[in-house]
């Protein structure tokens, strides 16, 4: 756990809207993710509009495009989540390495 991360998330434990989301990434990104967690995209990044974390909740295809969602009355077309308050994110890392 990175310094301050546990205390930051504890402030939000009273919220009852918890979701376990998966973030798939390419192998080359994992060293940075383990060191610095998921980061807000820099303003020069493609598709950047606001400061937020963008998480695709797709477990079946963790790297690639999302799949259409059956949810109604939403502005996102896929099973995607946007988190504007980074205090609401508690990152748990599960890493599988297969050396061949």
PDB file of N, CA and C in Angstrom:
ATOM      1  N   UNK A   1       0.851  -1.173   0.000  1.00  0.00           N
ATOM      2  CA  UNK A   1       0.000   0.000   0.000  1.00  0.00           C
ATOM      3  C   UNK A   1       0.895   1.234   0.000  1.00  0.00           C
ATOM      4  N   UNK A   2       0.605   2.146  -0.911  1.00  0.00           N
ATOM      5  CA  UNK A   2       1.374   3.378  -0.985  1.00  0.00           C
ATOM      6  C   UNK A   2       1.024   4.303   0.185  1.00  0.00           C
ATOM      7  N   UNK A   3       1.953   5.167   0.550  1.00  0.00           N
ATOM      8  CA  UNK A   3       1.780   6.060   1.698  1.00  0.00           C
ATOM      9  C   UNK A   3       0.508   6.900   1.559  1.00  0.00           C
ATOM     10  N   UNK A   4      -0.321   6.896   2.597  1.00  0.00           N
ATOM     11  CA  UNK A   4      -1.530   7.697   2.619  1.00  0.00           C
ATOM     12  C   UNK A   4      -2.737   7.076   1.940  1.00  0.00           C
ATOM     13  N   UNK A   5      -2.534   6.000   1.186  1.00  0.00           N
ATOM     14  CA  UNK A   5      -3.626   5.409   0.415  1.00  0.00           C
ATOM     15  C   UNK A   5      -4.716   4.820   1.314  1.00  0.00           C
ATOM     16  N   UNK A   6      -4.323   4.111   2.364  1.00  0.00           N
ATOM     17  CA  UNK A   6      -5.298   3.489   3.254  1.00  0.00           C
ATOM     18  C   UNK A   6      -6.147   4.548   3.961  1.00  0.00           C
ATOM     19  N   UNK A   7      -5.509   5.573   4.522  1.00  0.00           N
ATOM     20  CA  UNK A   7      -6.235   6.635   5.227  1.00  0.00           C
ATOM     21  C   UNK A   7      -7.169   7.388   4.289  1.00  0.00           C
ATOM     22  N   UNK A   8      -6.725   7.625   3.071  1.00  0.00           N
ATOM     23  CA  UNK A   8      -7.535   8.341   2.086  1.00  0.00           C
ATOM     24  C   UNK A   8      -8.813   7.576   1.790  1.00  0.00           C
ATOM     25  N   UNK A   9      -8.707   6.270   1.602  1.00  0.00           N
ATOM     26  CA  UNK A   9      -9.873   5.461   1.263  1.00  0.00           C
ATOM     27  C   UNK A   9     -10.792   5.258   2.461  1.00  0.00           C
ATOM     28  N   UNK A  10     -10.248   5.223   3.681  1.00  0.00           N
ATOM     29  CA  UNK A  10     -11.063   5.007   4.879  1.00  0.00           C
ATOM     30  C   UNK A  10     -12.163   6.055   5.017  1.00  0.00           C
ATOM     31  N   UNK A  11     -11.913   7.280   4.529  1.00  0.00           N
ATOM     32  CA  UNK A  11     -12.915   8.337   4.611  1.00  0.00           C
ATOM     33  C   UNK A  11     -14.185   7.972   3.848  1.00  0.00           C
ATOM     34  N   UNK A  12     -14.088   7.085   2.886  1.00  0.00           N
ATOM     35  CA  UNK A  12     -15.215   6.745   2.013  1.00  0.00           C
ATOM     36  C   UNK A  12     -15.867   5.417   2.373  1.00  0.00           C
ATOM     37  N   UNK A  13     -15.427   4.765   3.421  1.00  0.00           N
ATOM     38  CA  UNK A  13     -15.951   3.447   3.781  1.00  0.00           C
ATOM     39  C   UNK A  13     -17.427   3.475   4.161  1.00  0.00           C
ATOM     40  N   UNK A  14     -17.961   4.628   4.530  1.00  0.00           N
ATOM     41  CA  UNK A  14     -19.373   4.704   4.909  1.00  0.00           C
ATOM     42  C   UNK A  14     -20.301   4.668   3.700  1.00  0.00           C
ATOM     43  N   UNK A  15     -19.772   4.857   2.519  1.00  0.00           N
ATOM     44  CA  UNK A  15     -20.599   4.781   1.310  1.00  0.00           C
ATOM     45  C   UNK A  15     -20.994   3.336   1.065  1.00  0.00           C
ATOM     46  N   UNK A  16     -22.231   3.111   0.636  1.00  0.00           N
ATOM     47  CA  UNK A  16     -22.675   1.731   0.420  1.00  0.00           C
ATOM     48  C   UNK A  16     -22.705   1.330  -1.051  1.00  0.00           C
ATOM     49  N   UNK A  17     -22.222   2.167  -1.924  1.00  0.00           N
ATOM     50  CA  UNK A  17     -22.180   1.846  -3.348  1.00  0.00           C
ATOM     51  C   UNK A  17     -20.763   1.392  -3.707  1.00  0.00           C
ATOM     52  N   UNK A  18     -20.458   0.121  -3.449  1.00  0.00           N
ATOM     53  CA  UNK A  18     -19.129  -0.424  -3.728  1.00  0.00           C
ATOM     54  C   UNK A  18     -19.214  -1.331  -4.950  1.00  0.00           C
ATOM     55  N   UNK A  19     -18.228  -1.248  -5.826  1.00  0.00           N
ATOM     56  CA  UNK A  19     -18.167  -2.116  -6.993  1.00  0.00           C
ATOM     57  C   UNK A  19     -16.735  -2.605  -7.156  1.00  0.00           C
ATOM     58  N   UNK A  20     -16.594  -3.875  -7.488  1.00  0.00           N
ATOM     59  CA  UNK A  20     -15.284  -4.428  -7.803  1.00  0.00           C
ATOM     60  C   UNK A  20     -15.119  -4.338  -9.312  1.00  0.00           C
ATOM     61  N   UNK A  21     -14.152  -3.557  -9.752  1.00  0.00           N
ATOM     62  CA  UNK A  21     -13.914  -3.355 -11.176  1.00  0.00           C
ATOM     63  C   UNK A  21     -12.547  -3.913 -11.538  1.00  0.00           C
ATOM     64  N   UNK A  22     -12.409  -4.337 -12.762  1.00  0.00           N
ATOM     65  CA  UNK A  22     -11.152  -4.900 -13.258  1.00  0.00           C
ATOM     66  C   UNK A  22     -10.556  -3.941 -14.262  1.00  0.00           C
ATOM     67  N   UNK A  23      -9.253  -3.775 -14.177  1.00  0.00           N
ATOM     68  CA  UNK A  23      -8.540  -2.961 -15.158  1.00  0.00           C
ATOM     69  C   UNK A  23      -7.485  -3.844 -15.801  1.00  0.00           C
ATOM     70  N   UNK A  24      -7.694  -4.175 -17.049  1.00  0.00           N
ATOM     71  CA  UNK A  24      -6.697  -4.946 -17.787  1.00  0.00           C
ATOM     72  C   UNK A  24      -5.722  -3.991 -18.444  1.00  0.00           C
ATOM     73  N   UNK A  25      -4.496  -4.371 -18.516  1.00  0.00           N
ATOM     74  CA  UNK A  25      -3.495  -3.505 -19.118  1.00  0.00           C
ATOM     75  C   UNK A  25      -2.449  -4.355 -19.820  1.00  0.00           C
ATOM     76  N   UNK A  26      -1.726  -3.727 -20.679  1.00  0.00           N
ATOM     77  CA  UNK A  26      -0.641  -4.424 -21.373  1.00  0.00           C
ATOM     78  C   UNK A  26       0.514  -4.667 -20.392  1.00  0.00           C
ATOM     79  N   UNK A  27       1.266  -5.697 -20.642  1.00  0.00           N
ATOM     80  CA  UNK A  27       2.376  -6.082 -19.770  1.00  0.00           C
ATOM     81  C   UNK A  27       3.340  -4.923 -19.539  1.00  0.00           C
ATOM     82  N   UNK A  28       3.580  -4.136 -20.561  1.00  0.00           N
ATOM     83  CA  UNK A  28       4.543  -3.038 -20.455  1.00  0.00           C
ATOM     84  C   UNK A  28       4.094  -1.942 -19.495  1.00  0.00           C
ATOM     85  N   UNK A  29       2.817  -1.902 -19.124  1.00  0.00           N
ATOM     86  CA  UNK A  29       2.314  -0.856 -18.227  1.00  0.00           C
ATOM     87  C   UNK A  29       2.379  -1.235 -16.749  1.00  0.00           C
ATOM     88  N   UNK A  30       2.578  -2.507 -16.433  1.00  0.00           N
ATOM     89  CA  UNK A  30       2.432  -2.948 -15.051  1.00  0.00           C
ATOM     90  C   UNK A  30       3.477  -2.388 -14.093  1.00  0.00           C
ATOM     91  N   UNK A  31       4.691  -2.171 -14.525  1.00  0.00           N
ATOM     92  CA  UNK A  31       5.701  -1.604 -13.625  1.00  0.00           C
ATOM     93  C   UNK A  31       5.262  -0.230 -13.132  1.00  0.00           C
ATOM     94  N   UNK A  32       4.758   0.612 -14.027  1.00  0.00           N
ATOM     95  CA  UNK A  32       4.282   1.936 -13.627  1.00  0.00           C
ATOM     96  C   UNK A  32       3.045   1.850 -12.746  1.00  0.00           C
ATOM     97  N   UNK A  33       2.106   0.946 -13.062  1.00  0.00           N
ATOM     98  CA  UNK A  33       0.883   0.816 -12.272  1.00  0.00           C
ATOM     99  C   UNK A  33       1.216   0.359 -10.854  1.00  0.00           C
ATOM    100  N   UNK A  34       2.124  -0.608 -10.707  1.00  0.00           N
ATOM    101  CA  UNK A  34       2.507  -1.079  -9.380  1.00  0.00           C
ATOM    102  C   UNK A  34       3.224   0.004  -8.582  1.00  0.00           C
ATOM    103  N   UNK A  35       4.003   0.839  -9.258  1.00  0.00           N
ATOM    104  CA  UNK A  35       4.758   1.890  -8.587  1.00  0.00           C
ATOM    105  C   UNK A  35       3.896   3.108  -8.252  1.00  0.00           C
ATOM    106  N   UNK A  36       3.052   3.535  -9.204  1.00  0.00           N
ATOM    107  CA  UNK A  36       2.353   4.809  -9.055  1.00  0.00           C
ATOM    108  C   UNK A  36       0.836   4.692  -9.099  1.00  0.00           C
ATOM    109  N   UNK A  37       0.279   3.490  -9.187  1.00  0.00           N
ATOM    110  CA  UNK A  37      -1.163   3.265  -9.291  1.00  0.00           C
ATOM    111  C   UNK A  37      -1.649   3.783 -10.647  1.00  0.00           C
ATOM    112  N   UNK A  38      -2.933   3.651 -10.885  1.00  0.00           N
ATOM    113  CA  UNK A  38      -3.506   4.217 -12.099  1.00  0.00           C
ATOM    114  C   UNK A  38      -3.462   5.727 -11.966  1.00  0.00           C
ATOM    115  N   UNK A  39      -3.092   6.401 -13.026  1.00  0.00           N
ATOM    116  CA  UNK A  39      -2.954   7.849 -12.956  1.00  0.00           C
ATOM    117  C   UNK A  39      -3.977   8.526 -13.852  1.00  0.00           C
ATOM    118  N   UNK A  40      -4.323   9.744 -13.498  1.00  0.00           N
ATOM    119  CA  UNK A  40      -5.193  10.547 -14.349  1.00  0.00           C
ATOM    120  C   UNK A  40      -4.422  10.860 -15.617  1.00  0.00           C
ATOM    121  N   UNK A  41      -5.107  10.753 -16.751  1.00  0.00           N
ATOM    122  CA  UNK A  41      -4.459  10.978 -18.043  1.00  0.00           C
ATOM    123  C   UNK A  41      -3.958  12.417 -18.140  1.00  0.00           C
ATOM    124  N   UNK A  42      -2.771  12.611 -18.716  1.00  0.00           N
ATOM    125  CA  UNK A  42      -2.288  13.976 -18.921  1.00  0.00           C
ATOM    126  C   UNK A  42      -3.153  14.683 -19.958  1.00  0.00           C
ATOM    127  N   UNK A  43      -3.172  16.005 -19.915  1.00  0.00           N
ATOM    128  CA  UNK A  43      -4.060  16.769 -20.790  1.00  0.00           C
ATOM    129  C   UNK A  43      -3.771  16.556 -22.271  1.00  0.00           C
ATOM    130  N   UNK A  44      -2.569  16.118 -22.619  1.00  0.00           N
ATOM    131  CA  UNK A  44      -2.254  15.896 -24.031  1.00  0.00           C
ATOM    132  C   UNK A  44      -2.694  14.518 -24.524  1.00  0.00           C
ATOM    133  N   UNK A  45      -3.240  13.689 -23.637  1.00  0.00           N
ATOM    134  CA  UNK A  45      -3.659  12.336 -24.020  1.00  0.00           C
ATOM    135  C   UNK A  45      -4.885  12.383 -24.923  1.00  0.00           C
ATOM    136  N   UNK A  46      -4.964  11.437 -25.838  1.00  0.00           N
ATOM    137  CA  UNK A  46      -6.102  11.335 -26.735  1.00  0.00           C
ATOM    138  C   UNK A  46      -7.375  11.110 -25.939  1.00  0.00           C
ATOM    139  N   UNK A  47      -8.422  11.862 -26.245  1.00  0.00           N
ATOM    140  CA  UNK A  47      -9.706  11.691 -25.582  1.00  0.00           C
ATOM    141  C   UNK A  47      -9.811  12.370 -24.233  1.00  0.00           C
ATOM    142  N   UNK A  48      -8.787  13.091 -23.802  1.00  0.00           N
ATOM    143  CA  UNK A  48      -8.804  13.754 -22.496  1.00  0.00           C
ATOM    144  C   UNK A  48      -9.781  14.925 -22.519  1.00  0.00           C
ATOM    145  N   UNK A  49     -10.660  15.007 -21.521  1.00  0.00           N
ATOM    146  CA  UNK A  49     -11.565  16.150 -21.407  1.00  0.00           C
ATOM    147  C   UNK A  49     -11.516  16.759 -20.008  1.00  0.00           C
ATOM    148  N   UNK A  50     -11.514  15.922 -18.977  1.00  0.00           N
ATOM    149  CA  UNK A  50     -11.543  16.385 -17.597  1.00  0.00           C
ATOM    150  C   UNK A  50     -10.574  15.527 -16.799  1.00  0.00           C
ATOM    151  N   UNK A  51     -10.323  15.905 -15.557  1.00  0.00           N
ATOM    152  CA  UNK A  51      -9.491  15.068 -14.703  1.00  0.00           C
ATOM    153  C   UNK A  51     -10.359  13.984 -14.084  1.00  0.00           C
ATOM    154  N   UNK A  52     -10.163  12.749 -14.496  1.00  0.00           N
ATOM    155  CA  UNK A  52     -10.931  11.631 -13.962  1.00  0.00           C
ATOM    156  C   UNK A  52     -10.202  10.338 -14.250  1.00  0.00           C
ATOM    157  N   UNK A  53     -10.607   9.285 -13.558  1.00  0.00           N
ATOM    158  CA  UNK A  53     -10.166   7.933 -13.879  1.00  0.00           C
ATOM    159  C   UNK A  53     -11.246   7.306 -14.739  1.00  0.00           C
ATOM    160  N   UNK A  54     -10.839   6.641 -15.793  1.00  0.00           N
ATOM    161  CA  UNK A  54     -11.772   5.967 -16.695  1.00  0.00           C
ATOM    162  C   UNK A  54     -11.514   4.476 -16.557  1.00  0.00           C
ATOM    163  N   UNK A  55     -12.533   3.729 -16.141  1.00  0.00           N
ATOM    164  CA  UNK A  55     -12.364   2.300 -15.893  1.00  0.00           C
ATOM    165  C   UNK A  55     -13.387   1.533 -16.690  1.00  0.00           C
ATOM    166  N   UNK A  56     -12.923   0.566 -17.451  1.00  0.00           N
ATOM    167  CA  UNK A  56     -13.814  -0.315 -18.196  1.00  0.00           C
ATOM    168  C   UNK A  56     -14.087  -1.515 -17.310  1.00  0.00           C
ATOM    169  N   UNK A  57     -15.351  -1.805 -17.045  1.00  0.00           N
ATOM    170  CA  UNK A  57     -15.718  -2.902 -16.163  1.00  0.00           C
ATOM    171  C   UNK A  57     -15.789  -4.236 -16.865  1.00  0.00           C
ATOM    172  N   UNK A  58     -15.218  -4.337 -18.042  1.00  0.00           N
ATOM    173  CA  UNK A  58     -15.309  -5.543 -18.848  1.00  0.00           C
ATOM    174  C   UNK A  58     -14.321  -6.590 -18.359  1.00  0.00           C
ATOM    175  N   UNK A  59     -14.819  -7.704 -17.866  1.00  0.00           N
ATOM    176  CA  UNK A  59     -13.951  -8.772 -17.379  1.00  0.00           C
ATOM    177  C   UNK A  59     -13.607  -9.739 -18.495  1.00  0.00           C
ATOM    178  N   UNK A  60     -14.522  -9.943 -19.427  1.00  0.00           N
ATOM    179  CA  UNK A  60     -14.299 -10.930 -20.480  1.00  0.00           C
ATOM    180  C   UNK A  60     -13.205 -10.514 -21.451  1.00  0.00           C
ATOM    181  N   UNK A  61     -13.099  -9.222 -21.733  1.00  0.00           N
ATOM    182  CA  UNK A  61     -12.092  -8.720 -22.659  1.00  0.00           C
ATOM    183  C   UNK A  61     -11.365  -7.570 -21.964  1.00  0.00           C
ATOM    184  N   UNK A  62     -10.431  -7.863 -21.038  1.00  0.00           N
ATOM    185  CA  UNK A  62      -9.832  -6.806 -20.243  1.00  0.00           C
ATOM    186  C   UNK A  62      -8.937  -5.859 -21.024  1.00  0.00           C
ATOM    187  N   UNK A  63      -8.428  -6.282 -22.174  1.00  0.00           N
ATOM    188  CA  UNK A  63      -7.654  -5.376 -23.012  1.00  0.00           C
ATOM    189  C   UNK A  63      -8.404  -5.261 -24.322  1.00  0.00           C
ATOM    190  N   UNK A  64      -8.857  -4.078 -24.619  1.00  0.00           N
ATOM    191  CA  UNK A  64      -9.619  -3.871 -25.848  1.00  0.00           C
ATOM    192  C   UNK A  64     -10.868  -3.073 -25.561  1.00  0.00           C
ATOM    193  N   UNK A  65     -11.798  -3.136 -26.457  1.00  0.00           N
ATOM    194  CA  UNK A  65     -13.010  -2.340 -26.363  1.00  0.00           C
ATOM    195  C   UNK A  65     -14.030  -2.985 -25.447  1.00  0.00           C
ATOM    196  N   UNK A  66     -14.905  -2.167 -24.862  1.00  0.00           N
ATOM    197  CA  UNK A  66     -15.973  -2.662 -24.014  1.00  0.00           C
ATOM    198  C   UNK A  66     -17.052  -3.331 -24.846  1.00  0.00           C
ATOM    199  N   UNK A  67     -17.963  -3.982 -24.175  1.00  0.00           N
ATOM    200  CA  UNK A  67     -19.084  -4.640 -24.845  1.00  0.00           C
ATOM    201  C   UNK A  67     -20.347  -3.857 -24.520  1.00  0.00           C
ATOM    202  N   UNK A  68     -21.342  -3.852 -25.432  1.00  0.00           N
ATOM    203  CA  UNK A  68     -22.566  -3.083 -25.181  1.00  0.00           C
ATOM    204  C   UNK A  68     -23.224  -3.494 -23.865  1.00  0.00           C
ATOM    205  N   UNK A  69     -23.773  -2.504 -23.170  1.00  0.00           N
ATOM    206  CA  UNK A  69     -24.428  -2.733 -21.887  1.00  0.00           C
ATOM    207  C   UNK A  69     -25.940  -2.659 -22.051  1.00  0.00           C
ATOM    208  N   UNK A  70     -26.682  -3.399 -21.228  1.00  0.00           N
ATOM    209  CA  UNK A  70     -28.139  -3.354 -21.250  1.00  0.00           C
ATOM    210  C   UNK A  70     -28.695  -2.275 -20.328  1.00  0.00           C
ATOM    211  N   UNK A  71     -27.844  -1.540 -19.640  1.00  0.00           N
ATOM    212  CA  UNK A  71     -28.301  -0.498 -18.714  1.00  0.00           C
ATOM    213  C   UNK A  71     -29.023   0.602 -19.479  1.00  0.00           C
ATOM    214  N   UNK A  72     -30.084   1.105 -18.877  1.00  0.00           N
ATOM    215  CA  UNK A  72     -30.862   2.174 -19.507  1.00  0.00           C
ATOM    216  C   UNK A  72     -30.604   3.499 -18.786  1.00  0.00           C
ATOM    217  N   UNK A  73     -30.894   4.573 -19.465  1.00  0.00           N
ATOM    218  CA  UNK A  73     -30.777   5.927 -18.910  1.00  0.00           C
ATOM    219  C   UNK A  73     -29.352   6.226 -18.449  1.00  0.00           C
ATOM    220  N   UNK A  74     -28.410   5.956 -19.298  1.00  0.00           N
ATOM    221  CA  UNK A  74     -27.016   6.240 -18.994  1.00  0.00           C
ATOM    222  C   UNK A  74     -26.374   6.913 -20.194  1.00  0.00           C
ATOM    223  N   UNK A  75     -25.370   7.733 -19.963  1.00  0.00           N
ATOM    224  CA  UNK A  75     -24.714   8.421 -21.068  1.00  0.00           C
ATOM    225  C   UNK A  75     -23.523   7.637 -21.612  1.00  0.00           C
ATOM    226  N   UNK A  76     -23.122   6.563 -20.937  1.00  0.00           N
ATOM    227  CA  UNK A  76     -22.039   5.726 -21.435  1.00  0.00           C
ATOM    228  C   UNK A  76     -22.635   4.547 -22.188  1.00  0.00           C
ATOM    229  N   UNK A  77     -22.061   4.218 -23.333  1.00  0.00           N
ATOM    230  CA  UNK A  77     -22.618   3.172 -24.182  1.00  0.00           C
ATOM    231  C   UNK A  77     -22.184   1.775 -23.771  1.00  0.00           C
ATOM    232  N   UNK A  78     -21.110   1.661 -23.024  1.00  0.00           N
ATOM    233  CA  UNK A  78     -20.579   0.364 -22.644  1.00  0.00           C
ATOM    234  C   UNK A  78     -20.542   0.264 -21.127  1.00  0.00           C
ATOM    235  N   UNK A  79     -20.081  -0.859 -20.614  1.00  0.00           N
ATOM    236  CA  UNK A  79     -19.982  -1.029 -19.158  1.00  0.00           C
ATOM    237  C   UNK A  79     -18.706  -0.347 -18.669  1.00  0.00           C
ATOM    238  N   UNK A  80     -18.759   0.979 -18.623  1.00  0.00           N
ATOM    239  CA  UNK A  80     -17.614   1.803 -18.280  1.00  0.00           C
ATOM    240  C   UNK A  80     -17.963   2.679 -17.081  1.00  0.00           C
ATOM    241  N   UNK A  81     -16.951   3.091 -16.352  1.00  0.00           N
ATOM    242  CA  UNK A  81     -17.148   3.897 -15.157  1.00  0.00           C
ATOM    243  C   UNK A  81     -16.183   5.067 -15.178  1.00  0.00           C
ATOM    244  N   UNK A  82     -16.646   6.205 -14.721  1.00  0.00           N
ATOM    245  CA  UNK A  82     -15.791   7.379 -14.581  1.00  0.00           C
ATOM    246  C   UNK A  82     -15.810   7.771 -13.108  1.00  0.00           C
ATOM    247  N   UNK A  83     -14.627   7.918 -12.518  1.00  0.00           N
ATOM    248  CA  UNK A  83     -14.521   8.281 -11.106  1.00  0.00           C
ATOM    249  C   UNK A  83     -13.816   9.628 -11.034  1.00  0.00           C
ATOM    250  N   UNK A  84     -14.531  10.650 -10.579  1.00  0.00           N
ATOM    251  CA  UNK A  84     -13.972  11.996 -10.503  1.00  0.00           C
ATOM    252  C   UNK A  84     -13.229  12.249  -9.200  1.00  0.00           C
ATOM    253  N   UNK A  85     -13.599  11.568  -8.134  1.00  0.00           N
ATOM    254  CA  UNK A  85     -12.963  11.754  -6.833  1.00  0.00           C
ATOM    255  C   UNK A  85     -12.037  10.569  -6.576  1.00  0.00           C
ATOM    256  N   UNK A  86     -10.745  10.790  -6.669  1.00  0.00           N
ATOM    257  CA  UNK A  86      -9.789   9.693  -6.531  1.00  0.00           C
ATOM    258  C   UNK A  86      -9.765   9.098  -5.125  1.00  0.00           C
ATOM    259  N   UNK A  87     -10.325   9.797  -4.124  1.00  0.00           N
ATOM    260  CA  UNK A  87     -10.410   9.225  -2.777  1.00  0.00           C
ATOM    261  C   UNK A  87     -11.331   8.013  -2.738  1.00  0.00           C
ATOM    262  N   UNK A  88     -12.185   7.859  -3.736  1.00  0.00           N
ATOM    263  CA  UNK A  88     -13.137   6.750  -3.772  1.00  0.00           C
ATOM    264  C   UNK A  88     -12.539   5.467  -4.330  1.00  0.00           C
ATOM    265  N   UNK A  89     -11.297   5.516  -4.766  1.00  0.00           N
ATOM    266  CA  UNK A  89     -10.677   4.356  -5.402  1.00  0.00           C
ATOM    267  C   UNK A  89      -9.759   3.647  -4.413  1.00  0.00           C
ATOM    268  N   UNK A  90      -9.980   2.358  -4.228  1.00  0.00           N
ATOM    269  CA  UNK A  90      -9.099   1.520  -3.422  1.00  0.00           C
ATOM    270  C   UNK A  90      -8.544   0.459  -4.364  1.00  0.00           C
ATOM    271  N   UNK A  91      -7.297   0.555  -4.688  1.00  0.00           N
ATOM    272  CA  UNK A  91      -6.693  -0.347  -5.656  1.00  0.00           C
ATOM    273  C   UNK A  91      -6.176  -1.598  -4.969  1.00  0.00           C
ATOM    274  N   UNK A  92      -6.585  -2.739  -5.475  1.00  0.00           N
ATOM    275  CA  UNK A  92      -6.045  -4.019  -5.029  1.00  0.00           C
ATOM    276  C   UNK A  92      -5.420  -4.673  -6.247  1.00  0.00           C
ATOM    277  N   UNK A  93      -4.190  -5.094  -6.106  1.00  0.00           N
ATOM    278  CA  UNK A  93      -3.432  -5.627  -7.234  1.00  0.00           C
ATOM    279  C   UNK A  93      -3.434  -7.148  -7.191  1.00  0.00           C
ATOM    280  N   UNK A  94      -3.793  -7.747  -8.292  1.00  0.00           N
ATOM    281  CA  UNK A  94      -3.672  -9.191  -8.479  1.00  0.00           C
ATOM    282  C   UNK A  94      -2.873  -9.374  -9.757  1.00  0.00           C
ATOM    283  N   UNK A  95      -1.723  -9.976  -9.635  1.00  0.00           N
ATOM    284  CA  UNK A  95      -0.818 -10.067 -10.771  1.00  0.00           C
ATOM    285  C   UNK A  95      -0.446 -11.513 -11.032  1.00  0.00           C
ATOM    286  N   UNK A  96      -0.584 -11.921 -12.273  1.00  0.00           N
ATOM    287  CA  UNK A  96      -0.165 -13.264 -12.671  1.00  0.00           C
ATOM    288  C   UNK A  96       0.916 -13.110 -13.729  1.00  0.00           C
ATOM    289  N   UNK A  97       2.048 -13.718 -13.478  1.00  0.00           N
ATOM    290  CA  UNK A  97       3.169 -13.655 -14.410  1.00  0.00           C
ATOM    291  C   UNK A  97       3.459 -15.061 -14.885  1.00  0.00           C
ATOM    292  N   UNK A  98       3.532 -15.223 -16.177  1.00  0.00           N
ATOM    293  CA  UNK A  98       3.796 -16.526 -16.777  1.00  0.00           C
ATOM    294  C   UNK A  98       5.069 -16.414 -17.610  1.00  0.00           C
ATOM    295  N   UNK A  99       6.176 -16.929 -17.085  1.00  0.00           N
ATOM    296  CA  UNK A  99       7.445 -16.889 -17.801  1.00  0.00           C
ATOM    297  C   UNK A  99       7.545 -18.112 -18.700  1.00  0.00           C
ATOM    298  N   UNK A 100       7.715 -17.872 -19.962  1.00  0.00           N
ATOM    299  CA  UNK A 100       7.817 -18.992 -20.917  1.00  0.00           C
ATOM    300  C   UNK A 100       9.106 -18.908 -21.690  1.00  0.00           C
TER     301      UNK A 100
END
